[in-house]
């Protein structure tokens, strides 16, 4: 693993791994942590638990989202998978439930992010929008109607 972080991590990796809650986890590989950290905090309203140049932990509406910079995967099976690919996560939607899609859409537009579809009430009982974040991942904030 190649690290750009200077100094020690905020907690040992094995300790953090054991502390993760039971359930589904989401880890996104990104070219650069900072644009995604900023998007998660400023647009999606997530709480940054920890961030450095290699890794970021985001509390996003009560769920944990992990971000790893591509360079940290140099010794990993997935290293090189994204070489030459700008948009990531094609075909996947990262859904964030229980948040205000209209507010998030407004922040996304203000920050210059691509809004694929504006906030609208959907037949499945949610008001939601589709936003392309840094690295091409599509986020779908929504709340029950």
C-alpha atoms as a PDB file:
ATOM      1  CA  UNK A   1       0.000   0.000   0.000  1.00  0.00           C
ATOM      2  CA  UNK A   2       1.311   3.417  -0.941  1.00  0.00           C
ATOM      3  CA  UNK A   3       0.362   6.094   1.559  1.00  0.00           C
ATOM      4  CA  UNK A   4       0.429   9.858   1.213  1.00  0.00           C
ATOM      5  CA  UNK A   5      -0.706  10.433   4.799  1.00  0.00           C
ATOM      6  CA  UNK A   6       1.879  12.032   7.015  1.00  0.00           C
ATOM      7  CA  UNK A   7       1.933  10.645  10.539  1.00  0.00           C
ATOM      8  CA  UNK A   8      -0.171   7.943  12.099  1.00  0.00           C
ATOM      9  CA  UNK A   9      -3.748   7.115  11.201  1.00  0.00           C
ATOM     10  CA  UNK A  10      -6.380   8.237  13.644  1.00  0.00           C
ATOM     11  CA  UNK A  11      -6.846   4.623  14.749  1.00  0.00           C
ATOM     12  CA  UNK A  12      -5.250   1.285  13.843  1.00  0.00           C
ATOM     13  CA  UNK A  13      -6.903  -0.295  10.774  1.00  0.00           C
ATOM     14  CA  UNK A  14      -7.651  -3.584  12.557  1.00  0.00           C
ATOM     15  CA  UNK A  15      -9.328  -1.728  15.439  1.00  0.00           C
ATOM     16  CA  UNK A  16     -11.481   0.253  13.000  1.00  0.00           C
ATOM     17  CA  UNK A  17     -12.414  -2.918  11.097  1.00  0.00           C
ATOM     18  CA  UNK A  18     -13.589  -4.649  14.270  1.00  0.00           C
ATOM     19  CA  UNK A  19     -15.636  -1.560  15.240  1.00  0.00           C
ATOM     20  CA  UNK A  20     -17.710  -1.488  12.044  1.00  0.00           C
ATOM     21  CA  UNK A  21     -21.400  -2.288  12.597  1.00  0.00           C
ATOM     22  CA  UNK A  22     -23.097  -5.378  11.226  1.00  0.00           C
ATOM     23  CA  UNK A  23     -24.730  -4.837   7.833  1.00  0.00           C
ATOM     24  CA  UNK A  24     -23.908  -3.597   4.380  1.00  0.00           C
ATOM     25  CA  UNK A  25     -20.833  -1.452   3.878  1.00  0.00           C
ATOM     26  CA  UNK A  26     -19.877   0.747   0.967  1.00  0.00           C
ATOM     27  CA  UNK A  27     -16.287   1.560   0.005  1.00  0.00           C
ATOM     28  CA  UNK A  28     -15.609   3.773  -2.996  1.00  0.00           C
ATOM     29  CA  UNK A  29     -12.253   3.922  -4.729  1.00  0.00           C
ATOM     30  CA  UNK A  30     -11.548   7.475  -5.871  1.00  0.00           C
ATOM     31  CA  UNK A  31      -8.679   9.172  -7.712  1.00  0.00           C
ATOM     32  CA  UNK A  32      -8.436  11.841  -4.999  1.00  0.00           C
ATOM     33  CA  UNK A  33     -10.037  11.913  -1.540  1.00  0.00           C
ATOM     34  CA  UNK A  34     -10.566  15.671  -1.213  1.00  0.00           C
ATOM     35  CA  UNK A  35     -13.213  16.238  -3.942  1.00  0.00           C
ATOM     36  CA  UNK A  36     -15.309  13.317  -2.654  1.00  0.00           C
ATOM     37  CA  UNK A  37     -14.834  14.341   0.984  1.00  0.00           C
ATOM     38  CA  UNK A  38     -16.021  17.829   0.126  1.00  0.00           C
ATOM     39  CA  UNK A  39     -18.989  16.496  -1.904  1.00  0.00           C
ATOM     40  CA  UNK A  40     -20.044  14.148   0.894  1.00  0.00           C
ATOM     41  CA  UNK A  41     -19.887  16.923   3.498  1.00  0.00           C
ATOM     42  CA  UNK A  42     -21.004  20.013   1.594  1.00  0.00           C
ATOM     43  CA  UNK A  43     -23.553  18.538  -0.816  1.00  0.00           C
ATOM     44  CA  UNK A  44     -24.838  15.339   0.798  1.00  0.00           C
ATOM     45  CA  UNK A  45     -24.604  16.704   4.345  1.00  0.00           C
ATOM     46  CA  UNK A  46     -22.484  13.838   5.650  1.00  0.00           C
ATOM     47  CA  UNK A  47     -20.391  14.085   8.804  1.00  0.00           C
ATOM     48  CA  UNK A  48     -16.697  13.481   8.189  1.00  0.00           C
ATOM     49  CA  UNK A  49     -15.509  11.127  10.916  1.00  0.00           C
ATOM     50  CA  UNK A  50     -11.930  11.075   9.638  1.00  0.00           C
ATOM     51  CA  UNK A  51     -10.095  12.110   6.481  1.00  0.00           C
ATOM     52  CA  UNK A  52      -6.549  12.184   5.188  1.00  0.00           C
ATOM     53  CA  UNK A  53      -4.978  11.939   1.714  1.00  0.00           C
ATOM     54  CA  UNK A  54      -5.450   8.140   1.658  1.00  0.00           C
ATOM     55  CA  UNK A  55      -8.730   7.392   3.393  1.00  0.00           C
ATOM     56  CA  UNK A  56     -11.966   8.990   4.548  1.00  0.00           C
ATOM     57  CA  UNK A  57     -14.801   7.810   6.803  1.00  0.00           C
ATOM     58  CA  UNK A  58     -18.167   9.504   6.299  1.00  0.00           C
ATOM     59  CA  UNK A  59     -21.275   9.114   8.441  1.00  0.00           C
ATOM     60  CA  UNK A  60     -23.923   9.514   5.758  1.00  0.00           C
ATOM     61  CA  UNK A  61     -27.433   9.580   7.211  1.00  0.00           C
ATOM     62  CA  UNK A  62     -26.419   7.051   9.868  1.00  0.00           C
ATOM     63  CA  UNK A  63     -24.532   4.701   7.530  1.00  0.00           C
ATOM     64  CA  UNK A  64     -20.781   4.455   7.107  1.00  0.00           C
ATOM     65  CA  UNK A  65     -19.279   5.305   3.722  1.00  0.00           C
ATOM     66  CA  UNK A  66     -15.578   4.636   3.215  1.00  0.00           C
ATOM     67  CA  UNK A  67     -13.417   6.327   0.605  1.00  0.00           C
ATOM     68  CA  UNK A  68     -10.017   4.960  -0.407  1.00  0.00           C
ATOM     69  CA  UNK A  69      -7.684   6.778  -2.788  1.00  0.00           C
ATOM     70  CA  UNK A  70      -6.656   4.681  -5.789  1.00  0.00           C
ATOM     71  CA  UNK A  71      -2.991   4.804  -4.773  1.00  0.00           C
ATOM     72  CA  UNK A  72      -3.757   2.892  -1.553  1.00  0.00           C
ATOM     73  CA  UNK A  73      -4.794  -0.131  -3.622  1.00  0.00           C
ATOM     74  CA  UNK A  74      -1.392  -0.631  -5.262  1.00  0.00           C
ATOM     75  CA  UNK A  75      -0.997  -4.035  -3.534  1.00  0.00           C
ATOM     76  CA  UNK A  76      -4.678  -4.976  -3.803  1.00  0.00           C
ATOM     77  CA  UNK A  77      -6.441  -7.290  -6.265  1.00  0.00           C
ATOM     78  CA  UNK A  78      -8.409  -4.337  -7.644  1.00  0.00           C
ATOM     79  CA  UNK A  79      -5.345  -2.222  -8.441  1.00  0.00           C
ATOM     80  CA  UNK A  80      -5.496  -0.962 -12.019  1.00  0.00           C
ATOM     81  CA  UNK A  81      -9.188  -1.775 -12.506  1.00  0.00           C
ATOM     82  CA  UNK A  82     -10.008   1.904 -12.972  1.00  0.00           C
ATOM     83  CA  UNK A  83      -7.040   2.875 -15.116  1.00  0.00           C
ATOM     84  CA  UNK A  84      -8.313   5.163 -17.882  1.00  0.00           C
ATOM     85  CA  UNK A  85     -11.911   5.180 -16.614  1.00  0.00           C
ATOM     86  CA  UNK A  86     -13.340   8.558 -15.640  1.00  0.00           C
ATOM     87  CA  UNK A  87     -16.888   7.619 -14.550  1.00  0.00           C
ATOM     88  CA  UNK A  88     -17.098   4.909 -11.938  1.00  0.00           C
ATOM     89  CA  UNK A  89     -19.947   2.824 -10.638  1.00  0.00           C
ATOM     90  CA  UNK A  90     -21.787   2.626 -13.956  1.00  0.00           C
ATOM     91  CA  UNK A  91     -25.184   1.054 -13.351  1.00  0.00           C
ATOM     92  CA  UNK A  92     -25.114   1.519  -9.583  1.00  0.00           C
ATOM     93  CA  UNK A  93     -27.037   4.099  -7.600  1.00  0.00           C
ATOM     94  CA  UNK A  94     -25.801   5.046  -4.152  1.00  0.00           C
ATOM     95  CA  UNK A  95     -29.048   5.756  -2.358  1.00  0.00           C
ATOM     96  CA  UNK A  96     -29.197   7.883   0.764  1.00  0.00           C
ATOM     97  CA  UNK A  97     -32.566   7.539   2.507  1.00  0.00           C
ATOM     98  CA  UNK A  98     -34.193   9.939   4.944  1.00  0.00           C
ATOM     99  CA  UNK A  99     -32.582  13.125   3.635  1.00  0.00           C
ATOM    100  CA  UNK A 100     -33.982  16.197   1.877  1.00  0.00           C
ATOM    101  CA  UNK A 101     -33.459  15.746  -1.887  1.00  0.00           C
ATOM    102  CA  UNK A 102     -34.495  19.314  -2.772  1.00  0.00           C
ATOM    103  CA  UNK A 103     -31.861  20.797  -0.444  1.00  0.00           C
ATOM    104  CA  UNK A 104     -29.181  18.413  -1.671  1.00  0.00           C
ATOM    105  CA  UNK A 105     -30.083  19.097  -5.300  1.00  0.00           C
ATOM    106  CA  UNK A 106     -29.784  22.850  -4.678  1.00  0.00           C
ATOM    107  CA  UNK A 107     -26.348  22.435  -3.075  1.00  0.00           C
ATOM    108  CA  UNK A 108     -25.231  20.160  -5.917  1.00  0.00           C
ATOM    109  CA  UNK A 109     -26.310  22.658  -8.566  1.00  0.00           C
ATOM    110  CA  UNK A 110     -24.695  25.518  -6.656  1.00  0.00           C
ATOM    111  CA  UNK A 111     -21.412  23.580  -6.503  1.00  0.00           C
ATOM    112  CA  UNK A 112     -21.558  22.793 -10.237  1.00  0.00           C
ATOM    113  CA  UNK A 113     -22.252  19.058 -10.004  1.00  0.00           C
ATOM    114  CA  UNK A 114     -24.247  17.300 -12.718  1.00  0.00           C
ATOM    115  CA  UNK A 115     -27.888  16.722 -11.755  1.00  0.00           C
ATOM    116  CA  UNK A 116     -29.224  13.889 -13.900  1.00  0.00           C
ATOM    117  CA  UNK A 117     -32.768  14.376 -12.637  1.00  0.00           C
ATOM    118  CA  UNK A 118     -34.149  17.017 -10.358  1.00  0.00           C
ATOM    119  CA  UNK A 119     -36.155  16.256  -7.229  1.00  0.00           C
ATOM    120  CA  UNK A 120     -39.475  14.653  -8.047  1.00  0.00           C
ATOM    121  CA  UNK A 121     -42.071  12.477  -6.337  1.00  0.00           C
ATOM    122  CA  UNK A 122     -41.743   8.943  -7.675  1.00  0.00           C
ATOM    123  CA  UNK A 123     -44.414   6.222  -7.863  1.00  0.00           C
ATOM    124  CA  UNK A 124     -42.453   4.062  -5.395  1.00  0.00           C
ATOM    125  CA  UNK A 125     -43.217   6.546  -2.593  1.00  0.00           C
ATOM    126  CA  UNK A 126     -40.002   8.540  -2.478  1.00  0.00           C
ATOM    127  CA  UNK A 127     -39.071  12.060  -3.469  1.00  0.00           C
ATOM    128  CA  UNK A 128     -35.606  11.820  -4.963  1.00  0.00           C
ATOM    129  CA  UNK A 129     -33.061  13.233  -7.386  1.00  0.00           C
ATOM    130  CA  UNK A 130     -29.993  11.836  -9.161  1.00  0.00           C
ATOM    131  CA  UNK A 131     -26.637  13.611  -8.793  1.00  0.00           C
ATOM    132  CA  UNK A 132     -23.276  12.718 -10.303  1.00  0.00           C
ATOM    133  CA  UNK A 133     -20.546  13.256  -7.748  1.00  0.00           C
ATOM    134  CA  UNK A 134     -16.794  13.416  -8.191  1.00  0.00           C
ATOM    135  CA  UNK A 135     -15.367  10.356  -9.970  1.00  0.00           C
ATOM    136  CA  UNK A 136     -18.723   9.707 -11.675  1.00  0.00           C
ATOM    137  CA  UNK A 137     -20.588   7.911  -8.898  1.00  0.00           C
ATOM    138  CA  UNK A 138     -24.353   8.550  -8.953  1.00  0.00           C
ATOM    139  CA  UNK A 139     -25.964   9.463  -5.648  1.00  0.00           C
ATOM    140  CA  UNK A 140     -29.736   9.358  -5.107  1.00  0.00           C
ATOM    141  CA  UNK A 141     -30.833  11.256  -2.001  1.00  0.00           C
ATOM    142  CA  UNK A 142     -34.449  10.641  -1.106  1.00  0.00           C
ATOM    143  CA  UNK A 143     -37.153  10.754   1.519  1.00  0.00           C
ATOM    144  CA  UNK A 144     -40.556   9.152   1.922  1.00  0.00           C
ATOM    145  CA  UNK A 145     -43.427  11.167   0.505  1.00  0.00           C
END
